[in-house]
Amino acid sequence: MAERDTQIQLVTFQISEELYGIDIMDVKEIVRVQDIRQIPNAPLYVEGLFNLRGEIIPIISLHKRFHLKKAKLGDEDELLSGFIIIDLDGMKLGVIIDKVERVVTIEAGDIQPPPQMLSGIGAEYIKGVVNRDGGYLILLDIRKLFSAKELMKIEEIRR
């Protein structure tokens, strides 16, 4: 049982040229790209609202939030793009991803502190990095991606 406590399951995905991961417990589901209803006067990084089986979910672009370019993908990879629906303490948000990768299990001891600046996303939003297959996996801290004030604004838009 102690062995399980040291392992973390992550949903991994690509945004721009980097590979990111978030705790599988924070992911509600992954959906293919759908129509998004744009909202006037929303913050730049809020793409709009998405109706997921009757539930209205704000869709966030980390590309816009962190000034990242979209990944250049082939036709096959385009099929793997969409939204990751995350749960931020009861508030559901959709995050646009370029490509979903897979679920991986990592050892908690393999997580290293993040470098000060990494691919345009500041270290304050990153839990750590893990060396993987000649590259690295960036672990996002979804609870730090948005301030309380930003979350309140997003919640107002949702209503």
Foldseek 3Di string as FASTA:
>chain_A
DVQVVQKFKWWWAAFAHAIETEGPVFFPDWDAADDFDADPPAPPQFRHWDQDPNAIATEGEVCVVQVGDGYDDDPVQQRQWGWTWGQQPNHTHTYTTSGTDGMDMDGNVQFDQDDQDDRRDGSQQWPGWGDDDNRIYTYGDVNRPDDPVSVVSNVVRSD
